[in-house]
């Protein structure tokens, strides 16, 4: 999966989470790969798809902060298929409006999404079964 394919995959997942998603153009994205909206909330997302063993560094924090300012987004997310450097985690901890989603967090979010979808399907099936029994 390429970096752009990762962004597209994330776009689908965030839509499934209930966000309206704008997938930004490649290299002139002003620091955000995705812009999420849910109600009045806007979130700038910087996505980094890395090879195994590589880590996202603190430079990316500056990118998402720049995107938050440009897109007037009160929140930001940096999401990766790998991990963050210690410096990135320490620096980002000073920003309560920025979330870091590393590989384990991304997996948890996808698992939550899958559980929600499974529960909705079960409720729908139970509703149909209950209606047919009555």
C-alpha atoms as a PDB file:
ATOM      1  CA  UNK A   1       0.000   0.000   0.000  1.00  0.00           C
ATOM      2  CA  UNK A   2       1.379   3.400  -0.988  1.00  0.00           C
ATOM      3  CA  UNK A   3       1.100   6.551   1.102  1.00  0.00           C
ATOM      4  CA  UNK A   4      -1.779   7.807  -1.055  1.00  0.00           C
ATOM      5  CA  UNK A   5      -3.566   4.447  -0.800  1.00  0.00           C
ATOM      6  CA  UNK A   6      -3.195   4.655   3.001  1.00  0.00           C
ATOM      7  CA  UNK A   7      -4.829   8.108   2.933  1.00  0.00           C
ATOM      8  CA  UNK A   8      -7.668   6.754   0.793  1.00  0.00           C
ATOM      9  CA  UNK A   9      -8.119   3.785   3.117  1.00  0.00           C
ATOM     10  CA  UNK A  10      -8.237   6.150   6.116  1.00  0.00           C
ATOM     11  CA  UNK A  11     -10.797   8.265   4.273  1.00  0.00           C
ATOM     12  CA  UNK A  12     -13.107   5.264   4.025  1.00  0.00           C
ATOM     13  CA  UNK A  13     -12.603   4.350   7.696  1.00  0.00           C
ATOM     14  CA  UNK A  14     -13.282   7.897   8.923  1.00  0.00           C
ATOM     15  CA  UNK A  15     -16.446   8.013   6.784  1.00  0.00           C
ATOM     16  CA  UNK A  16     -17.549   4.777   8.451  1.00  0.00           C
ATOM     17  CA  UNK A  17     -16.942   6.520  11.806  1.00  0.00           C
ATOM     18  CA  UNK A  18     -19.462   9.164  10.802  1.00  0.00           C
ATOM     19  CA  UNK A  19     -17.189  11.954   9.561  1.00  0.00           C
ATOM     20  CA  UNK A  20     -17.528  13.921   6.363  1.00  0.00           C
ATOM     21  CA  UNK A  21     -14.089  13.571   4.771  1.00  0.00           C
ATOM     22  CA  UNK A  22     -12.181  15.749   2.328  1.00  0.00           C
ATOM     23  CA  UNK A  23      -9.171  13.958   0.878  1.00  0.00           C
ATOM     24  CA  UNK A  24      -6.638  16.683   0.111  1.00  0.00           C
ATOM     25  CA  UNK A  25      -4.447  16.870  -2.987  1.00  0.00           C
ATOM     26  CA  UNK A  26      -0.992  15.362  -2.696  1.00  0.00           C
ATOM     27  CA  UNK A  27       1.955  17.655  -2.075  1.00  0.00           C
ATOM     28  CA  UNK A  28       0.163  21.032  -1.702  1.00  0.00           C
ATOM     29  CA  UNK A  29      -2.087  19.918   1.138  1.00  0.00           C
ATOM     30  CA  UNK A  30      -1.074  22.671   3.611  1.00  0.00           C
ATOM     31  CA  UNK A  31      -0.063  19.997   6.130  1.00  0.00           C
ATOM     32  CA  UNK A  32      -3.269  17.933   6.141  1.00  0.00           C
ATOM     33  CA  UNK A  33      -3.991  14.820   4.115  1.00  0.00           C
ATOM     34  CA  UNK A  34      -7.610  14.644   5.301  1.00  0.00           C
ATOM     35  CA  UNK A  35     -10.040  17.188   6.693  1.00  0.00           C
ATOM     36  CA  UNK A  36     -12.736  15.628   8.873  1.00  0.00           C
ATOM     37  CA  UNK A  37     -16.016  17.223   9.851  1.00  0.00           C
ATOM     38  CA  UNK A  38     -18.675  16.049  12.259  1.00  0.00           C
ATOM     39  CA  UNK A  39     -21.229  18.709  13.083  1.00  0.00           C
ATOM     40  CA  UNK A  40     -19.350  21.920  13.829  1.00  0.00           C
ATOM     41  CA  UNK A  41     -16.083  20.097  14.618  1.00  0.00           C
ATOM     42  CA  UNK A  42     -13.251  20.184  12.063  1.00  0.00           C
ATOM     43  CA  UNK A  43     -10.174  17.971  12.425  1.00  0.00           C
ATOM     44  CA  UNK A  44      -6.982  18.158  10.345  1.00  0.00           C
ATOM     45  CA  UNK A  45      -5.363  14.756   9.789  1.00  0.00           C
ATOM     46  CA  UNK A  46      -1.770  14.148   8.752  1.00  0.00           C
ATOM     47  CA  UNK A  47      -1.249  10.525   7.676  1.00  0.00           C
ATOM     48  CA  UNK A  48       2.146   8.821   7.511  1.00  0.00           C
ATOM     49  CA  UNK A  49       2.452   5.375   5.977  1.00  0.00           C
ATOM     50  CA  UNK A  50       5.912   4.074   6.810  1.00  0.00           C
ATOM     51  CA  UNK A  51       7.926   0.941   6.262  1.00  0.00           C
ATOM     52  CA  UNK A  52       8.263  -1.405   9.261  1.00  0.00           C
ATOM     53  CA  UNK A  53      10.824  -0.180  11.774  1.00  0.00           C
ATOM     54  CA  UNK A  54      10.523   3.513  10.825  1.00  0.00           C
ATOM     55  CA  UNK A  55       9.048   6.108  13.180  1.00  0.00           C
ATOM     56  CA  UNK A  56       7.264   9.416  12.690  1.00  0.00           C
ATOM     57  CA  UNK A  57       9.364  12.317  13.950  1.00  0.00           C
ATOM     58  CA  UNK A  58       8.529  15.665  15.509  1.00  0.00           C
ATOM     59  CA  UNK A  59       8.621  17.496  12.151  1.00  0.00           C
ATOM     60  CA  UNK A  60       5.174  16.083  11.408  1.00  0.00           C
ATOM     61  CA  UNK A  61       3.757  17.788  14.507  1.00  0.00           C
ATOM     62  CA  UNK A  62       4.600  21.122  12.886  1.00  0.00           C
ATOM     63  CA  UNK A  63       2.807  20.016   9.722  1.00  0.00           C
ATOM     64  CA  UNK A  64      -0.444  19.177  11.504  1.00  0.00           C
ATOM     65  CA  UNK A  65      -0.294  22.370  13.592  1.00  0.00           C
ATOM     66  CA  UNK A  66       0.148  24.389  10.402  1.00  0.00           C
ATOM     67  CA  UNK A  67      -2.822  22.562   8.857  1.00  0.00           C
ATOM     68  CA  UNK A  68      -4.981  23.226  11.915  1.00  0.00           C
ATOM     69  CA  UNK A  69      -4.286  26.935  11.574  1.00  0.00           C
ATOM     70  CA  UNK A  70      -4.809  27.021   7.788  1.00  0.00           C
ATOM     71  CA  UNK A  71      -8.055  25.016   7.840  1.00  0.00           C
ATOM     72  CA  UNK A  72      -9.271  26.619  11.105  1.00  0.00           C
ATOM     73  CA  UNK A  73      -9.488  23.175  12.666  1.00  0.00           C
ATOM     74  CA  UNK A  74      -9.541  23.167  16.480  1.00  0.00           C
ATOM     75  CA  UNK A  75      -8.212  19.581  16.538  1.00  0.00           C
ATOM     76  CA  UNK A  76      -5.598  17.537  14.753  1.00  0.00           C
ATOM     77  CA  UNK A  77      -4.656  13.889  14.414  1.00  0.00           C
ATOM     78  CA  UNK A  78      -1.354  12.424  13.260  1.00  0.00           C
ATOM     79  CA  UNK A  79      -1.968   8.823  12.245  1.00  0.00           C
ATOM     80  CA  UNK A  80       0.580   6.233  11.189  1.00  0.00           C
ATOM     81  CA  UNK A  81       0.761   2.544  10.443  1.00  0.00           C
ATOM     82  CA  UNK A  82       3.930   2.424  12.575  1.00  0.00           C
ATOM     83  CA  UNK A  83       5.106   4.339  15.680  1.00  0.00           C
ATOM     84  CA  UNK A  84       6.279   7.762  16.891  1.00  0.00           C
ATOM     85  CA  UNK A  85       9.709   8.817  18.106  1.00  0.00           C
ATOM     86  CA  UNK A  86      10.097   9.580  21.802  1.00  0.00           C
ATOM     87  CA  UNK A  87      10.667  13.236  20.892  1.00  0.00           C
ATOM     88  CA  UNK A  88       7.388  13.346  18.953  1.00  0.00           C
ATOM     89  CA  UNK A  89       5.432  11.873  21.861  1.00  0.00           C
ATOM     90  CA  UNK A  90       7.033  14.285  24.345  1.00  0.00           C
ATOM     91  CA  UNK A  91       6.504  17.353  22.133  1.00  0.00           C
ATOM     92  CA  UNK A  92       2.919  16.422  21.228  1.00  0.00           C
ATOM     93  CA  UNK A  93       2.024  15.920  24.889  1.00  0.00           C
ATOM     94  CA  UNK A  94       2.082  19.723  25.201  1.00  0.00           C
ATOM     95  CA  UNK A  95      -0.802  20.027  22.717  1.00  0.00           C
ATOM     96  CA  UNK A  96      -4.132  18.820  24.105  1.00  0.00           C
ATOM     97  CA  UNK A  97      -5.763  19.481  20.737  1.00  0.00           C
ATOM     98  CA  UNK A  98      -3.541  16.989  18.854  1.00  0.00           C
ATOM     99  CA  UNK A  99      -3.934  13.214  19.040  1.00  0.00           C
ATOM    100  CA  UNK A 100      -1.287  10.708  18.002  1.00  0.00           C
ATOM    101  CA  UNK A 101      -2.611   7.493  16.508  1.00  0.00           C
ATOM    102  CA  UNK A 102       0.172   4.934  16.248  1.00  0.00           C
ATOM    103  CA  UNK A 103      -0.248   1.385  14.986  1.00  0.00           C
ATOM    104  CA  UNK A 104      -1.868   0.009  18.194  1.00  0.00           C
ATOM    105  CA  UNK A 105      -4.255   2.998  18.455  1.00  0.00           C
ATOM    106  CA  UNK A 106      -5.221   2.694  14.787  1.00  0.00           C
ATOM    107  CA  UNK A 107      -5.934  -1.019  15.259  1.00  0.00           C
ATOM    108  CA  UNK A 108      -8.094  -0.246  18.342  1.00  0.00           C
ATOM    109  CA  UNK A 109     -10.082   2.375  16.426  1.00  0.00           C
ATOM    110  CA  UNK A 110     -10.699  -0.023  13.540  1.00  0.00           C
ATOM    111  CA  UNK A 111     -11.700  -2.798  15.955  1.00  0.00           C
ATOM    112  CA  UNK A 112     -14.170  -0.414  17.655  1.00  0.00           C
ATOM    113  CA  UNK A 113     -15.588   0.463  14.247  1.00  0.00           C
ATOM    114  CA  UNK A 114     -15.953  -3.211  13.357  1.00  0.00           C
ATOM    115  CA  UNK A 115     -17.675  -3.960  16.712  1.00  0.00           C
ATOM    116  CA  UNK A 116     -20.107  -1.093  16.148  1.00  0.00           C
ATOM    117  CA  UNK A 117     -20.899  -2.358  12.647  1.00  0.00           C
ATOM    118  CA  UNK A 118     -21.359  -5.912  13.985  1.00  0.00           C
ATOM    119  CA  UNK A 119     -23.668  -4.652  16.746  1.00  0.00           C
ATOM    120  CA  UNK A 120     -25.736  -2.667  14.228  1.00  0.00           C
ATOM    121  CA  UNK A 121     -26.077  -5.687  11.963  1.00  0.00           C
ATOM    122  CA  UNK A 122     -27.069  -7.854  14.954  1.00  0.00           C
ATOM    123  CA  UNK A 123     -29.677  -5.297  16.071  1.00  0.00           C
ATOM    124  CA  UNK A 124     -31.084  -5.145  12.560  1.00  0.00           C
ATOM    125  CA  UNK A 125     -31.215  -8.920  12.339  1.00  0.00           C
ATOM    126  CA  UNK A 126     -32.770  -9.184  15.821  1.00  0.00           C
ATOM    127  CA  UNK A 127     -35.373  -6.577  14.881  1.00  0.00           C
ATOM    128  CA  UNK A 128     -36.302  -8.441  11.727  1.00  0.00           C
ATOM    129  CA  UNK A 129     -36.405 -11.787  13.558  1.00  0.00           C
ATOM    130  CA  UNK A 130     -38.530 -10.325  16.354  1.00  0.00           C
ATOM    131  CA  UNK A 131     -40.956  -8.761  13.847  1.00  0.00           C
ATOM    132  CA  UNK A 132     -41.306 -12.012  11.959  1.00  0.00           C
ATOM    133  CA  UNK A 133     -41.970 -13.976  15.166  1.00  0.00           C
ATOM    134  CA  UNK A 134     -44.801 -11.656  16.235  1.00  0.00           C
END
